[in-house]
Amino acid sequence: MIRRPVDLGDPDRLYTVTGGRDSADDDDFDLVTLIVAECEPSPGMQSEHVRILELCRHPVAVVELSAELRLPITVVRILLGDLLATGRITARHPRAGRSLVDLPDSALLEEVLIGLRNL
């Protein structure tokens, strides 16, 4: 994997990319939310929006988009909010963590471990 620096340099560019917004309207996107494009880019779209749609032909996590676009996560969330509001993407949120009640019994796990060692 090639490490690329995040674009933190020119605040004027980031201000322009987000239309002057400094935070997303809501918290629809956490770092592991999967984003999927629902349409192809159309003429006249902002270049960052086009790039997001191209990258999201298959499910991509928000954090991966941030790394690939080399933009801060807050900027990516704002851009994703724009695309979600227009129906160009869908967001697949991770499943909620399992509770301790749903976990298998430790005695069962011990038996499985013993069985595997006996193989």
C-alpha atoms as a PDB file:
ATOM      1  CA  MET A   1       0.000   0.000   0.000  1.00  0.00           C
ATOM      2  CA  ILE A   2       1.338   3.402  -0.959  1.00  0.00           C
ATOM      3  CA  ARG A   3       1.068   6.059   1.719  1.00  0.00           C
ATOM      4  CA  ARG A   4      -0.136   9.400   0.428  1.00  0.00           C
ATOM      5  CA  PRO A   5      -0.359  12.567   2.502  1.00  0.00           C
ATOM      6  CA  VAL A   6      -3.779  13.936   3.391  1.00  0.00           C
ATOM      7  CA  ASP A   7      -4.534  17.294   1.777  1.00  0.00           C
ATOM      8  CA  LEU A   8      -4.180  19.644   4.732  1.00  0.00           C
ATOM      9  CA  GLY A   9      -2.282  22.350   2.903  1.00  0.00           C
ATOM     10  CA  ASP A  10      -4.543  24.899   1.261  1.00  0.00           C
ATOM     11  CA  PRO A  11      -7.509  25.858   3.450  1.00  0.00           C
ATOM     12  CA  ASP A  12      -8.925  28.007   0.629  1.00  0.00           C
ATOM     13  CA  ARG A  13      -9.240  24.911  -1.567  1.00  0.00           C
ATOM     14  CA  LEU A  14     -11.003  22.944   1.167  1.00  0.00           C
ATOM     15  CA  TYR A  15     -13.312  25.911   1.802  1.00  0.00           C
ATOM     16  CA  THR A  16     -14.188  25.969  -1.897  1.00  0.00           C
ATOM     17  CA  VAL A  17     -14.672  22.187  -2.126  1.00  0.00           C
ATOM     18  CA  THR A  18     -17.186  22.230   0.740  1.00  0.00           C
ATOM     19  CA  GLY A  19     -18.920  25.438  -0.263  1.00  0.00           C
ATOM     20  CA  GLY A  20     -17.784  27.085   2.951  1.00  0.00           C
ATOM     21  CA  ARG A  21     -19.291  24.472   5.250  1.00  0.00           C
ATOM     22  CA  ASP A  22     -17.133  23.260   8.107  1.00  0.00           C
ATOM     23  CA  SER A  23     -19.186  20.297   9.265  1.00  0.00           C
ATOM     24  CA  ALA A  24     -21.706  17.824   7.921  1.00  0.00           C
ATOM     25  CA  ASP A  25     -25.380  18.553   8.641  1.00  0.00           C
ATOM     26  CA  ASP A  26     -25.803  15.271  10.499  1.00  0.00           C
ATOM     27  CA  ASP A  27     -23.852  12.218  11.555  1.00  0.00           C
ATOM     28  CA  ASP A  28     -24.899   9.865   8.752  1.00  0.00           C
ATOM     29  CA  PHE A  29     -21.364   8.653   8.130  1.00  0.00           C
ATOM     30  CA  ASP A  30     -18.980   7.046  10.560  1.00  0.00           C
ATOM     31  CA  LEU A  31     -15.566   5.808   9.449  1.00  0.00           C
ATOM     32  CA  VAL A  32     -16.705   2.312   8.472  1.00  0.00           C
ATOM     33  CA  THR A  33     -20.008   3.193   6.791  1.00  0.00           C
ATOM     34  CA  LEU A  34     -20.029   1.634   3.328  1.00  0.00           C
ATOM     35  CA  ILE A  35     -20.907   3.952   0.461  1.00  0.00           C
ATOM     36  CA  VAL A  36     -22.370   2.713  -2.834  1.00  0.00           C
ATOM     37  CA  ALA A  37     -22.972   4.847  -5.925  1.00  0.00           C
ATOM     38  CA  GLU A  38     -26.538   4.703  -7.242  1.00  0.00           C
ATOM     39  CA  CYS A  39     -25.883   6.512 -10.530  1.00  0.00           C
ATOM     40  CA  GLU A  40     -23.182   7.552 -12.931  1.00  0.00           C
ATOM     41  CA  PRO A  41     -21.593  11.013 -12.736  1.00  0.00           C
ATOM     42  CA  SER A  42     -23.348  13.648 -14.800  1.00  0.00           C
ATOM     43  CA  PRO A  43     -21.878  16.606 -16.670  1.00  0.00           C
ATOM     44  CA  GLY A  44     -21.356  19.706 -14.572  1.00  0.00           C
ATOM     45  CA  MET A  45     -20.843  17.881 -11.291  1.00  0.00           C
ATOM     46  CA  GLN A  46     -18.118  18.968  -8.901  1.00  0.00           C
ATOM     47  CA  SER A  47     -14.947  16.979  -9.614  1.00  0.00           C
ATOM     48  CA  GLU A  48     -14.770  15.568  -6.069  1.00  0.00           C
ATOM     49  CA  HIS A  49     -18.349  14.301  -6.348  1.00  0.00           C
ATOM     50  CA  VAL A  50     -17.500  12.651  -9.667  1.00  0.00           C
ATOM     51  CA  ARG A  51     -14.466  10.958  -8.136  1.00  0.00           C
ATOM     52  CA  ILE A  52     -16.521   9.669  -5.205  1.00  0.00           C
ATOM     53  CA  LEU A  53     -19.119   8.175  -7.558  1.00  0.00           C
ATOM     54  CA  GLU A  54     -16.359   6.514  -9.583  1.00  0.00           C
ATOM     55  CA  LEU A  55     -14.755   5.031  -6.466  1.00  0.00           C
ATOM     56  CA  CYS A  56     -18.080   3.821  -5.075  1.00  0.00           C
ATOM     57  CA  ARG A  57     -19.154   1.572  -7.912  1.00  0.00           C
ATOM     58  CA  HIS A  58     -18.523  -1.154  -5.338  1.00  0.00           C
ATOM     59  CA  PRO A  59     -18.993  -0.586  -1.590  1.00  0.00           C
ATOM     60  CA  VAL A  60     -16.230   1.573  -0.113  1.00  0.00           C
ATOM     61  CA  ALA A  61     -15.786   2.687   3.504  1.00  0.00           C
ATOM     62  CA  VAL A  62     -15.770   6.393   4.292  1.00  0.00           C
ATOM     63  CA  VAL A  63     -12.257   6.165   5.689  1.00  0.00           C
ATOM     64  CA  GLU A  64     -11.041   4.555   2.438  1.00  0.00           C
ATOM     65  CA  LEU A  65     -12.595   7.379   0.429  1.00  0.00           C
ATOM     66  CA  SER A  66     -10.816   9.919   2.592  1.00  0.00           C
ATOM     67  CA  ALA A  67      -7.494   8.183   2.001  1.00  0.00           C
ATOM     68  CA  GLU A  68      -8.036   7.760  -1.739  1.00  0.00           C
ATOM     69  CA  LEU A  69      -9.192  11.360  -2.235  1.00  0.00           C
ATOM     70  CA  ARG A  70      -6.463  12.632   0.097  1.00  0.00           C
ATOM     71  CA  LEU A  71      -8.987  14.851   1.859  1.00  0.00           C
ATOM     72  CA  PRO A  72      -9.757  15.200   5.575  1.00  0.00           C
ATOM     73  CA  ILE A  73     -12.573  12.991   6.793  1.00  0.00           C
ATOM     74  CA  THR A  74     -14.739  16.005   7.656  1.00  0.00           C
ATOM     75  CA  VAL A  75     -14.557  17.255   4.072  1.00  0.00           C
ATOM     76  CA  VAL A  76     -15.431  13.799   2.726  1.00  0.00           C
ATOM     77  CA  ARG A  77     -18.430  13.599   5.072  1.00  0.00           C
ATOM     78  CA  ILE A  78     -19.706  16.945   3.765  1.00  0.00           C
ATOM     79  CA  LEU A  79     -19.333  15.792   0.156  1.00  0.00           C
ATOM     80  CA  LEU A  80     -21.062  12.494   0.944  1.00  0.00           C
ATOM     81  CA  GLY A  81     -23.902  14.391   2.589  1.00  0.00           C
ATOM     82  CA  ASP A  82     -24.412  16.313  -0.662  1.00  0.00           C
ATOM     83  CA  LEU A  83     -24.547  13.101  -2.678  1.00  0.00           C
ATOM     84  CA  LEU A  84     -26.841  11.363  -0.186  1.00  0.00           C
ATOM     85  CA  ALA A  85     -29.270  14.304  -0.213  1.00  0.00           C
ATOM     86  CA  THR A  86     -29.573  14.054  -4.002  1.00  0.00           C
ATOM     87  CA  GLY A  87     -29.969  10.259  -3.980  1.00  0.00           C
ATOM     88  CA  ARG A  88     -26.728   9.605  -5.851  1.00  0.00           C
ATOM     89  CA  ILE A  89     -25.328   7.311  -3.147  1.00  0.00           C
ATOM     90  CA  THR A  90     -26.608   5.013  -0.446  1.00  0.00           C
ATOM     91  CA  ALA A  91     -24.974   4.469   2.913  1.00  0.00           C
ATOM     92  CA  ARG A  92     -24.789   1.014   4.450  1.00  0.00           C
ATOM     93  CA  HIS A  93     -24.177   1.382   8.144  1.00  0.00           C
ATOM     94  CA  PRO A  94     -22.318  -1.342  10.033  1.00  0.00           C
ATOM     95  CA  ARG A  95     -24.392  -3.654  12.144  1.00  0.00           C
ATOM     96  CA  ALA A  96     -24.619  -2.751  15.779  1.00  0.00           C
ATOM     97  CA  GLY A  97     -22.195  -4.632  18.013  1.00  0.00           C
ATOM     98  CA  ARG A  98     -23.380  -7.890  19.459  1.00  0.00           C
ATOM     99  CA  SER A  99     -24.294  -7.952  23.092  1.00  0.00           C
ATOM    100  CA  LEU A 100     -22.742 -10.370  25.538  1.00  0.00           C
ATOM    101  CA  VAL A 101     -26.035 -12.258  25.608  1.00  0.00           C
ATOM    102  CA  ASP A 102     -25.605 -13.184  21.916  1.00  0.00           C
ATOM    103  CA  LEU A 103     -22.110 -14.619  22.363  1.00  0.00           C
ATOM    104  CA  PRO A 104     -21.654 -18.398  22.450  1.00  0.00           C
ATOM    105  CA  ASP A 105     -21.179 -20.153  25.770  1.00  0.00           C
ATOM    106  CA  SER A 106     -17.520 -20.320  26.866  1.00  0.00           C
ATOM    107  CA  ALA A 107     -17.881 -24.050  27.628  1.00  0.00           C
ATOM    108  CA  LEU A 108     -18.930 -24.664  24.016  1.00  0.00           C
ATOM    109  CA  LEU A 109     -15.942 -22.689  22.757  1.00  0.00           C
ATOM    110  CA  GLU A 110     -13.646 -24.728  24.989  1.00  0.00           C
ATOM    111  CA  GLU A 111     -15.047 -27.974  23.542  1.00  0.00           C
ATOM    112  CA  VAL A 112     -14.512 -26.705  20.007  1.00  0.00           C
ATOM    113  CA  LEU A 113     -10.923 -25.749  20.850  1.00  0.00           C
ATOM    114  CA  ILE A 114     -10.238 -29.212  22.308  1.00  0.00           C
ATOM    115  CA  GLY A 115     -11.809 -30.829  19.237  1.00  0.00           C
ATOM    116  CA  LEU A 116      -9.615 -28.779  16.899  1.00  0.00           C
ATOM    117  CA  ARG A 117      -6.470 -29.669  18.841  1.00  0.00           C
ATOM    118  CA  ASN A 118      -7.382 -33.380  18.577  1.00  0.00           C
ATOM    119  CA  LEU A 119      -7.523 -33.178  14.781  1.00  0.00           C
END
